Structures are given as C-alpha cells and as structure tokens.
C-alpha cells in the first residue's frame, strides 16, 4: 500500500480529491489543504509520494515545492500532479521542477493507484524500504529491462522512425 500526502491548493477541490483518490484500496492518502500539514508528513517521513491535486496555476505547484524541497531531496520523495490538461509552457516548467508524474482528469481510482505505484517504483534512489508484496523481490533490477521493452515497441521512441521508413 502506498502512503500519499495529497496537497489540495484549492480547498473547494478537497472533496473531489477524496472521492477520486480514496476509491482505491491500494492508496492510503492524507488529504490536506494546509502546506504545514504536508510539511509535517514529509518531515516525519510518513509518505511515499507527494501528490498535488488540481492546482490552478504553476505558481501553486511552485509554492509548495519551494517549502517542501528540503524534505523532497532528503528523502527522495517523488512528486505527482493530478490536474487538467497542461499547456506547453506548463509542461516545460514541470520538467525543470522534476515532476515525476502528471495525470490528467478524469481518471479512475485504479488508474491513479497504478500511476502512483509506478512513480514510486521508478524512483530507485529513494523509498528503497518500500515493498510492494504482489511484485515480489527483484523489482528494481527488472525495472530497467521492462522499460527497455516498453520503449522498444514504441513507434514514437527516438530512433524508431528509421525502422519505419521505406527502404
């Protein structure tokens, strides 16, 4: 089970975040609209991932990351954002902010649980103490092999266009 600290910058979306994320039995989420509460969760190392739910602007994301960066770096906690479709400018800013995962609503609870699990498991430097019993041992060793397989079958991957070009 993944423990997630869910920060909701817009208080009016708090019930929506609870309805969407708490629908999965694989996520133990602490929802809050208070940055200090999220800071306490990270300080106590009481979560596997930080999820920012439905930020209005990138400034909301920047504000929380500014406060929480020491904890995110110390414990190597991945950051996930769940929101609406971003603009190209927002995508560029998220790359520089090292956002691990960005999900676009509407998304079901099982899809969110899968994405958060993947974000935590793709973070080999941090969260080494977390185990997912259904995957068993050797997850980190096999992860790079699985990713190579996924990207080798992707026709849009870099270098794949040469194989599709007519001879």
N, C-alpha and C. Protein backbone atom coordinates (compact mmCIF):
# COMPACT_ATOMS: atom_id res chain seq x y z
N UNK A 1 0.85 -1.18 0.00
CA UNK A 1 0.00 0.00 0.00
C UNK A 1 0.89 1.24 0.00
N UNK A 2 0.52 2.19 -0.80
CA UNK A 2 1.28 3.43 -0.91
C UNK A 2 0.66 4.48 -0.01
N UNK A 3 1.52 5.13 0.78
CA UNK A 3 1.06 6.25 1.61
C UNK A 3 1.35 7.54 0.84
N UNK A 4 0.31 8.28 0.55
CA UNK A 4 0.45 9.51 -0.24
C UNK A 4 0.03 10.71 0.59
N UNK A 5 0.83 11.76 0.50
CA UNK A 5 0.44 13.06 1.05
C UNK A 5 -0.19 13.82 -0.11
N UNK A 6 -1.48 14.09 -0.01
CA UNK A 6 -2.21 14.75 -1.10
C UNK A 6 -2.46 16.20 -0.69
N UNK A 7 -1.81 17.11 -1.41
CA UNK A 7 -1.99 18.54 -1.15
C UNK A 7 -2.99 19.08 -2.16
N UNK A 8 -4.02 19.74 -1.66
CA UNK A 8 -5.07 20.33 -2.49
C UNK A 8 -5.00 21.84 -2.31
N UNK A 9 -4.37 22.58 -3.26
CA UNK A 9 -4.24 24.02 -3.08
C UNK A 9 -5.58 24.76 -3.09
N UNK A 10 -6.59 24.21 -3.75
CA UNK A 10 -7.92 24.82 -3.79
C UNK A 10 -8.82 24.04 -2.85
N UNK A 11 -9.21 24.68 -1.77
CA UNK A 11 -10.00 23.99 -0.74
C UNK A 11 -11.30 23.42 -1.30
N UNK A 12 -11.85 24.06 -2.34
CA UNK A 12 -13.12 23.57 -2.89
C UNK A 12 -12.96 22.23 -3.61
N UNK A 13 -11.73 21.82 -3.94
CA UNK A 13 -11.49 20.53 -4.59
C UNK A 13 -11.15 19.42 -3.60
N UNK A 14 -11.21 19.70 -2.31
CA UNK A 14 -10.84 18.71 -1.31
C UNK A 14 -11.75 17.48 -1.36
N UNK A 15 -13.05 17.68 -1.47
CA UNK A 15 -13.95 16.52 -1.53
C UNK A 15 -13.77 15.75 -2.83
N UNK A 16 -13.46 16.44 -3.93
CA UNK A 16 -13.21 15.75 -5.19
C UNK A 16 -11.96 14.88 -5.09
N UNK A 17 -10.91 15.40 -4.47
CA UNK A 17 -9.69 14.60 -4.33
C UNK A 17 -9.94 13.37 -3.47
N UNK A 18 -10.73 13.52 -2.41
CA UNK A 18 -11.05 12.36 -1.58
C UNK A 18 -11.86 11.33 -2.35
N UNK A 19 -12.81 11.80 -3.16
CA UNK A 19 -13.64 10.87 -3.93
C UNK A 19 -12.82 10.12 -4.98
N UNK A 20 -11.90 10.80 -5.63
CA UNK A 20 -11.13 10.18 -6.70
C UNK A 20 -10.03 9.27 -6.15
N UNK A 21 -9.26 9.75 -5.20
CA UNK A 21 -8.09 9.00 -4.74
C UNK A 21 -8.45 7.92 -3.73
N UNK A 22 -9.39 8.19 -2.85
CA UNK A 22 -9.75 7.19 -1.83
C UNK A 22 -10.56 6.03 -2.39
N UNK A 23 -10.90 6.06 -3.67
CA UNK A 23 -11.64 4.96 -4.26
C UNK A 23 -10.82 3.70 -4.42
N UNK A 24 -9.50 3.80 -4.32
CA UNK A 24 -8.63 2.64 -4.46
C UNK A 24 -8.18 2.16 -3.10
N UNK A 25 -8.16 0.84 -2.94
CA UNK A 25 -7.70 0.27 -1.67
C UNK A 25 -6.18 0.20 -1.61
N UNK A 26 -5.49 0.55 -2.70
CA UNK A 26 -4.03 0.47 -2.72
C UNK A 26 -3.36 1.77 -2.30
N UNK A 27 -4.14 2.80 -2.00
CA UNK A 27 -3.58 4.10 -1.61
C UNK A 27 -4.10 4.48 -0.24
N UNK A 28 -3.17 4.79 0.66
CA UNK A 28 -3.52 5.35 1.96
C UNK A 28 -3.17 6.84 1.87
N UNK A 29 -4.19 7.67 1.67
CA UNK A 29 -3.95 9.09 1.39
C UNK A 29 -4.31 9.97 2.57
N UNK A 30 -3.47 10.96 2.82
CA UNK A 30 -3.75 12.02 3.78
C UNK A 30 -4.01 13.28 2.98
N UNK A 31 -5.27 13.69 2.88
CA UNK A 31 -5.66 14.87 2.11
C UNK A 31 -5.61 16.10 3.01
N UNK A 32 -5.04 17.17 2.48
CA UNK A 32 -5.00 18.41 3.24
C UNK A 32 -4.88 19.60 2.29
N UNK A 33 -5.40 20.72 2.74
CA UNK A 33 -5.25 21.97 2.01
C UNK A 33 -4.25 22.89 2.71
N UNK A 34 -3.54 22.35 3.70
CA UNK A 34 -2.61 23.12 4.51
C UNK A 34 -1.18 22.68 4.22
N UNK A 35 -0.34 23.61 3.78
CA UNK A 35 1.05 23.29 3.46
C UNK A 35 1.78 22.80 4.70
N UNK A 36 1.49 23.37 5.86
CA UNK A 36 2.19 22.96 7.08
C UNK A 36 1.90 21.50 7.45
N UNK A 37 0.70 21.04 7.17
CA UNK A 37 0.35 19.64 7.43
C UNK A 37 1.13 18.71 6.49
N UNK A 38 1.27 19.11 5.23
CA UNK A 38 2.06 18.32 4.29
C UNK A 38 3.52 18.32 4.71
N UNK A 39 4.00 19.48 5.17
CA UNK A 39 5.38 19.57 5.65
C UNK A 39 5.61 18.64 6.84
N UNK A 40 4.64 18.53 7.74
CA UNK A 40 4.76 17.62 8.87
C UNK A 40 4.83 16.16 8.40
N UNK A 41 4.00 15.81 7.42
CA UNK A 41 4.02 14.44 6.90
C UNK A 41 5.37 14.11 6.28
N UNK A 42 5.94 15.06 5.54
CA UNK A 42 7.24 14.82 4.93
C UNK A 42 8.36 14.84 5.96
N UNK A 43 8.26 15.71 6.94
CA UNK A 43 9.29 15.79 7.98
C UNK A 43 9.35 14.48 8.76
N UNK A 44 8.17 13.91 9.04
CA UNK A 44 8.11 12.64 9.76
C UNK A 44 8.33 11.44 8.85
N UNK A 45 8.56 11.69 7.58
CA UNK A 45 8.76 10.65 6.57
C UNK A 45 7.60 9.66 6.60
N UNK A 46 6.40 10.23 6.58
CA UNK A 46 5.18 9.44 6.72
C UNK A 46 4.45 9.29 5.38
N UNK A 47 5.19 9.33 4.27
CA UNK A 47 4.54 9.14 2.98
C UNK A 47 5.57 8.66 1.96
N UNK A 48 5.08 8.01 0.91
CA UNK A 48 5.93 7.53 -0.16
C UNK A 48 5.99 8.51 -1.33
N UNK A 49 4.92 9.30 -1.49
CA UNK A 49 4.82 10.19 -2.63
C UNK A 49 4.02 11.43 -2.25
N UNK A 50 4.39 12.56 -2.84
CA UNK A 50 3.63 13.80 -2.67
C UNK A 50 2.79 14.00 -3.91
N UNK A 51 1.49 14.14 -3.73
CA UNK A 51 0.58 14.36 -4.85
C UNK A 51 -0.05 15.74 -4.70
N UNK A 52 0.06 16.55 -5.73
CA UNK A 52 -0.57 17.87 -5.75
C UNK A 52 -1.81 17.73 -6.62
N UNK A 53 -2.98 17.93 -6.03
CA UNK A 53 -4.24 17.67 -6.73
C UNK A 53 -4.85 18.96 -7.26
N UNK A 54 -5.04 19.02 -8.54
CA UNK A 54 -5.74 20.09 -9.24
C UNK A 54 -5.26 21.50 -8.90
N UNK A 55 -3.97 21.80 -9.17
CA UNK A 55 -3.51 23.18 -8.95
C UNK A 55 -4.08 24.10 -10.02
N UNK A 56 -4.39 25.33 -9.64
CA UNK A 56 -4.92 26.29 -10.62
C UNK A 56 -3.83 26.74 -11.58
N UNK A 57 -2.67 27.03 -11.04
CA UNK A 57 -1.56 27.53 -11.85
C UNK A 57 -0.28 26.83 -11.45
N UNK A 58 0.76 27.05 -12.24
CA UNK A 58 2.07 26.51 -11.87
C UNK A 58 2.61 27.21 -10.63
N UNK A 59 2.09 28.39 -10.32
CA UNK A 59 2.52 29.09 -9.11
C UNK A 59 2.12 28.29 -7.87
N UNK A 60 0.96 27.62 -7.90
CA UNK A 60 0.57 26.76 -6.78
C UNK A 60 1.57 25.63 -6.59
N UNK A 61 1.99 25.03 -7.70
CA UNK A 61 2.98 23.95 -7.63
C UNK A 61 4.31 24.50 -7.13
N UNK A 62 4.72 25.66 -7.65
CA UNK A 62 5.99 26.26 -7.23
C UNK A 62 6.02 26.62 -5.76
N UNK A 63 4.90 27.12 -5.25
CA UNK A 63 4.83 27.50 -3.84
C UNK A 63 5.04 26.29 -2.92
N UNK A 64 4.37 25.19 -3.22
CA UNK A 64 4.52 24.01 -2.37
C UNK A 64 5.91 23.40 -2.52
N UNK A 65 6.46 23.40 -3.74
CA UNK A 65 7.79 22.84 -3.92
C UNK A 65 8.86 23.69 -3.24
N UNK A 66 8.64 25.00 -3.20
CA UNK A 66 9.59 25.88 -2.52
C UNK A 66 9.68 25.56 -1.04
N UNK A 67 8.54 25.29 -0.43
CA UNK A 67 8.50 24.99 1.00
C UNK A 67 9.03 23.58 1.29
N UNK A 68 8.72 22.63 0.42
CA UNK A 68 8.99 21.22 0.71
C UNK A 68 10.26 20.66 0.09
N UNK A 69 10.98 21.44 -0.68
CA UNK A 69 12.18 20.93 -1.36
C UNK A 69 13.19 20.28 -0.42
N UNK A 70 13.48 20.83 0.76
CA UNK A 70 14.45 20.14 1.62
C UNK A 70 14.04 18.70 1.97
N UNK A 71 12.76 18.48 2.21
CA UNK A 71 12.28 17.14 2.57
C UNK A 71 12.23 16.24 1.34
N UNK A 72 11.83 16.79 0.21
CA UNK A 72 11.77 16.00 -1.01
C UNK A 72 13.15 15.52 -1.42
N UNK A 73 14.16 16.39 -1.26
CA UNK A 73 15.52 16.00 -1.60
C UNK A 73 16.12 15.05 -0.57
N UNK A 74 15.86 15.30 0.69
CA UNK A 74 16.43 14.45 1.74
C UNK A 74 15.93 13.02 1.63
N UNK A 75 14.62 12.85 1.46
CA UNK A 75 14.04 11.50 1.43
C UNK A 75 13.83 10.99 0.01
N UNK A 76 14.15 11.83 -0.99
CA UNK A 76 13.96 11.48 -2.40
C UNK A 76 12.53 11.02 -2.68
N UNK A 77 11.60 11.86 -2.29
CA UNK A 77 10.18 11.57 -2.46
C UNK A 77 9.73 12.08 -3.83
N UNK A 78 9.14 11.23 -4.65
CA UNK A 78 8.66 11.69 -5.96
C UNK A 78 7.44 12.58 -5.83
N UNK A 79 7.23 13.42 -6.83
CA UNK A 79 6.11 14.36 -6.84
C UNK A 79 5.21 14.03 -8.02
N UNK A 80 3.93 13.92 -7.75
CA UNK A 80 2.93 13.65 -8.77
C UNK A 80 1.93 14.80 -8.77
N UNK A 81 1.48 15.19 -9.96
CA UNK A 81 0.47 16.24 -10.09
C UNK A 81 -0.73 15.64 -10.81
N UNK A 82 -1.91 15.85 -10.26
CA UNK A 82 -3.15 15.41 -10.90
C UNK A 82 -3.95 16.68 -11.18
N UNK A 83 -4.24 16.92 -12.44
CA UNK A 83 -4.95 18.16 -12.78
C UNK A 83 -5.58 18.11 -14.14
N UNK A 84 -5.78 19.28 -14.72
CA UNK A 84 -6.36 19.38 -16.05
C UNK A 84 -5.25 19.38 -17.08
N UNK A 85 -5.61 19.39 -18.34
CA UNK A 85 -4.62 19.34 -19.42
C UNK A 85 -3.70 20.56 -19.35
N UNK A 86 -2.38 20.34 -19.29
CA UNK A 86 -1.45 21.46 -19.19
C UNK A 86 -1.14 22.06 -20.55
N UNK A 87 -0.69 23.30 -20.53
CA UNK A 87 -0.22 23.95 -21.75
C UNK A 87 1.23 23.54 -21.99
N UNK A 88 1.75 23.84 -23.16
CA UNK A 88 3.15 23.50 -23.45
C UNK A 88 4.10 24.22 -22.51
N UNK A 89 3.79 25.47 -22.18
CA UNK A 89 4.62 26.23 -21.25
C UNK A 89 4.64 25.56 -19.87
N UNK A 90 3.48 25.08 -19.42
CA UNK A 90 3.42 24.40 -18.13
C UNK A 90 4.21 23.09 -18.16
N UNK A 91 4.17 22.38 -19.27
CA UNK A 91 4.93 21.13 -19.38
C UNK A 91 6.42 21.42 -19.26
N UNK A 92 6.90 22.49 -19.90
CA UNK A 92 8.32 22.85 -19.79
C UNK A 92 8.69 23.19 -18.35
N UNK A 93 7.82 23.90 -17.67
CA UNK A 93 8.10 24.26 -16.28
C UNK A 93 8.10 23.03 -15.38
N UNK A 94 7.22 22.07 -15.66
CA UNK A 94 7.18 20.86 -14.84
C UNK A 94 8.43 20.03 -15.03
N UNK A 95 8.99 20.03 -16.23
CA UNK A 95 10.23 19.29 -16.44
C UNK A 95 11.35 19.87 -15.59
N UNK A 96 11.44 21.18 -15.53
CA UNK A 96 12.50 21.79 -14.73
C UNK A 96 12.23 21.63 -13.24
N UNK A 97 10.97 21.44 -12.85
CA UNK A 97 10.64 21.25 -11.44
C UNK A 97 10.75 19.79 -11.02
N UNK A 98 11.13 18.90 -11.92
CA UNK A 98 11.31 17.47 -11.64
C UNK A 98 10.03 16.80 -11.15
N UNK A 99 8.93 17.07 -11.83
CA UNK A 99 7.67 16.39 -11.53
C UNK A 99 7.77 14.97 -12.09
N UNK A 100 7.55 13.98 -11.26
CA UNK A 100 7.68 12.59 -11.68
C UNK A 100 6.54 12.14 -12.57
N UNK A 101 5.32 12.53 -12.24
CA UNK A 101 4.16 12.05 -12.98
C UNK A 101 3.11 13.16 -13.05
N UNK A 102 2.48 13.28 -14.22
CA UNK A 102 1.38 14.23 -14.37
C UNK A 102 0.19 13.48 -14.94
N UNK A 103 -0.90 13.43 -14.22
CA UNK A 103 -2.12 12.75 -14.65
C UNK A 103 -3.18 13.79 -14.96
N UNK A 104 -3.94 13.53 -16.01
CA UNK A 104 -5.00 14.45 -16.43
C UNK A 104 -6.34 13.85 -16.05
N UNK A 105 -7.17 14.65 -15.37
CA UNK A 105 -8.51 14.21 -15.00
C UNK A 105 -9.40 14.21 -16.24
N UNK A 106 -10.41 13.39 -16.38
CA UNK A 106 -10.90 12.41 -15.41
C UNK A 106 -10.06 11.14 -15.45
N UNK A 107 -9.84 10.58 -14.29
CA UNK A 107 -9.03 9.39 -14.13
C UNK A 107 -9.62 8.59 -12.98
N UNK A 108 -9.74 7.31 -13.14
CA UNK A 108 -10.34 6.47 -12.10
C UNK A 108 -9.36 6.16 -10.98
N UNK A 109 -9.86 5.70 -9.83
CA UNK A 109 -9.01 5.40 -8.68
C UNK A 109 -7.96 4.33 -8.97
N UNK A 110 -8.30 3.30 -9.74
CA UNK A 110 -7.32 2.25 -10.03
C UNK A 110 -6.22 2.76 -10.95
N UNK A 111 -6.56 3.62 -11.90
CA UNK A 111 -5.55 4.20 -12.77
C UNK A 111 -4.62 5.12 -11.98
N UNK A 112 -5.17 5.88 -11.06
CA UNK A 112 -4.34 6.73 -10.21
C UNK A 112 -3.43 5.88 -9.33
N UNK A 113 -3.96 4.81 -8.75
CA UNK A 113 -3.15 3.92 -7.91
C UNK A 113 -2.01 3.32 -8.72
N UNK A 114 -2.29 2.92 -9.95
CA UNK A 114 -1.25 2.34 -10.79
C UNK A 114 -0.17 3.37 -11.11
N UNK A 115 -0.57 4.59 -11.45
CA UNK A 115 0.40 5.64 -11.79
C UNK A 115 1.26 6.02 -10.58
N UNK A 116 0.65 6.12 -9.40
CA UNK A 116 1.42 6.47 -8.20
C UNK A 116 2.37 5.34 -7.84
N UNK A 117 1.94 4.09 -7.97
CA UNK A 117 2.82 2.95 -7.71
C UNK A 117 4.00 2.97 -8.66
N UNK A 118 3.74 3.24 -9.93
CA UNK A 118 4.82 3.30 -10.91
C UNK A 118 5.79 4.44 -10.60
N UNK A 119 5.26 5.59 -10.18
CA UNK A 119 6.13 6.73 -9.86
C UNK A 119 7.03 6.40 -8.67
N UNK A 120 6.49 5.70 -7.67
CA UNK A 120 7.30 5.34 -6.50
C UNK A 120 8.32 4.28 -6.88
N UNK A 121 7.93 3.29 -7.65
CA UNK A 121 8.84 2.20 -8.01
C UNK A 121 9.90 2.65 -9.01
N UNK A 122 9.63 3.67 -9.81
CA UNK A 122 10.61 4.20 -10.76
C UNK A 122 11.63 5.10 -10.07
N UNK A 123 11.55 5.25 -8.77
CA UNK A 123 12.42 6.12 -8.01
C UNK A 123 13.39 5.25 -7.21
N UNK A 124 14.42 4.64 -7.86
CA UNK A 124 15.25 3.65 -7.19
C UNK A 124 16.14 4.22 -6.09
N UNK A 125 16.50 5.50 -6.14
CA UNK A 125 17.38 6.05 -5.12
C UNK A 125 16.67 6.26 -3.80
N UNK A 126 15.41 6.58 -3.84
CA UNK A 126 14.65 6.80 -2.62
C UNK A 126 13.62 5.71 -2.44
N UNK A 127 13.06 5.65 -1.28
CA UNK A 127 12.00 4.71 -0.97
C UNK A 127 12.44 3.27 -1.14
N UNK A 128 13.72 2.97 -0.95
CA UNK A 128 14.18 1.60 -1.08
C UNK A 128 13.58 0.68 -0.04
N UNK A 129 13.07 1.24 1.04
CA UNK A 129 12.49 0.43 2.10
C UNK A 129 11.06 0.05 1.81
N UNK A 130 10.47 0.65 0.78
CA UNK A 130 9.08 0.33 0.46
C UNK A 130 9.02 -0.94 -0.37
N UNK A 131 8.13 -1.84 -0.05
CA UNK A 131 7.96 -3.05 -0.83
C UNK A 131 6.52 -3.16 -1.28
N UNK A 132 6.34 -3.70 -2.43
CA UNK A 132 5.01 -3.99 -2.94
C UNK A 132 4.92 -5.51 -3.01
N UNK A 133 4.21 -6.16 -2.07
CA UNK A 133 4.23 -7.61 -1.98
C UNK A 133 3.83 -8.34 -3.25
N UNK A 134 2.91 -7.80 -4.03
CA UNK A 134 2.45 -8.52 -5.21
C UNK A 134 3.52 -8.58 -6.30
N UNK A 135 4.49 -7.66 -6.27
CA UNK A 135 5.54 -7.68 -7.28
C UNK A 135 6.72 -8.54 -6.86
N UNK A 136 6.90 -8.74 -5.56
CA UNK A 136 7.97 -9.59 -5.07
C UNK A 136 9.34 -8.94 -5.16
N UNK A 137 10.36 -9.79 -4.98
CA UNK A 137 11.74 -9.31 -4.97
C UNK A 137 12.22 -9.08 -6.40
N UNK A 138 13.25 -8.28 -6.52
CA UNK A 138 13.87 -8.04 -7.81
C UNK A 138 13.18 -7.01 -8.66
N UNK A 139 12.32 -6.21 -8.08
CA UNK A 139 11.59 -5.21 -8.87
C UNK A 139 12.55 -4.19 -9.44
N UNK A 140 13.47 -3.69 -8.61
CA UNK A 140 14.35 -2.63 -9.09
C UNK A 140 15.30 -3.14 -10.18
N UNK A 141 15.73 -4.42 -10.10
CA UNK A 141 16.62 -4.96 -11.11
C UNK A 141 15.90 -5.13 -12.45
N UNK A 142 14.64 -5.54 -12.38
CA UNK A 142 13.89 -5.81 -13.60
C UNK A 142 13.24 -4.56 -14.19
N UNK A 143 13.22 -3.48 -13.45
CA UNK A 143 12.52 -2.29 -13.90
C UNK A 143 13.12 -1.73 -15.18
N UNK A 144 14.45 -1.63 -15.24
CA UNK A 144 15.07 -1.07 -16.44
C UNK A 144 14.84 -1.97 -17.64
N UNK A 145 14.82 -3.29 -17.44
CA UNK A 145 14.54 -4.20 -18.55
C UNK A 145 13.12 -4.04 -19.05
N UNK A 146 12.16 -3.88 -18.12
CA UNK A 146 10.78 -3.69 -18.53
C UNK A 146 10.61 -2.38 -19.28
N UNK A 147 11.30 -1.33 -18.83
CA UNK A 147 11.18 -0.04 -19.51
C UNK A 147 11.80 -0.12 -20.92
N UNK A 148 12.92 -0.86 -21.07
CA UNK A 148 13.52 -1.02 -22.40
C UNK A 148 12.53 -1.72 -23.33
N UNK A 149 11.86 -2.74 -22.81
CA UNK A 149 10.88 -3.46 -23.62
C UNK A 149 9.73 -2.54 -24.02
N UNK A 150 9.25 -1.73 -23.09
CA UNK A 150 8.15 -0.82 -23.39
C UNK A 150 8.54 0.18 -24.47
N UNK A 151 9.76 0.74 -24.34
CA UNK A 151 10.16 1.76 -25.28
C UNK A 151 10.61 1.17 -26.62
N UNK A 152 11.04 -0.09 -26.65
CA UNK A 152 11.45 -0.69 -27.92
C UNK A 152 10.25 -0.92 -28.83
N UNK A 153 9.06 -1.11 -28.24
CA UNK A 153 7.87 -1.34 -29.05
C UNK A 153 7.13 -0.03 -29.37
N UNK A 154 7.67 1.09 -28.94
CA UNK A 154 7.01 2.38 -29.16
C UNK A 154 7.46 2.96 -30.50
N UNK A 155 6.55 3.13 -31.47
CA UNK A 155 6.97 3.67 -32.77
C UNK A 155 7.37 5.14 -32.71
N UNK A 156 7.05 5.83 -31.61
CA UNK A 156 7.40 7.24 -31.49
C UNK A 156 8.67 7.46 -30.69
N UNK A 157 9.34 6.38 -30.27
CA UNK A 157 10.57 6.49 -29.50
C UNK A 157 11.67 7.05 -30.39
N UNK A 158 12.68 7.72 -29.79
CA UNK A 158 13.79 8.25 -30.58
C UNK A 158 14.48 7.13 -31.36
N UNK A 159 14.70 7.34 -32.64
CA UNK A 159 15.37 6.35 -33.47
C UNK A 159 14.43 5.33 -34.09
N UNK A 160 13.19 5.30 -33.67
CA UNK A 160 12.25 4.31 -34.21
C UNK A 160 11.79 4.69 -35.61
N UNK A 161 11.87 5.94 -35.96
CA UNK A 161 11.42 6.38 -37.28
C UNK A 161 12.23 5.77 -38.41
N UNK A 162 13.52 5.49 -38.17
CA UNK A 162 14.36 4.90 -39.21
C UNK A 162 13.87 3.50 -39.58
N UNK A 163 13.38 2.76 -38.59
CA UNK A 163 12.90 1.41 -38.86
C UNK A 163 11.59 1.43 -39.63
N UNK A 164 10.81 2.50 -39.51
CA UNK A 164 9.52 2.58 -40.18
C UNK A 164 9.62 3.20 -41.58
N UNK A 165 10.76 3.81 -41.89
CA UNK A 165 10.92 4.48 -43.18
C UNK A 165 11.02 3.46 -44.30
N UNK A 166 10.45 3.77 -45.48
CA UNK A 166 10.56 2.83 -46.61
C UNK A 166 12.00 2.73 -47.09
N UNK A 167 12.38 1.56 -47.55
CA UNK A 167 13.76 1.32 -47.99
C UNK A 167 14.01 1.84 -49.37
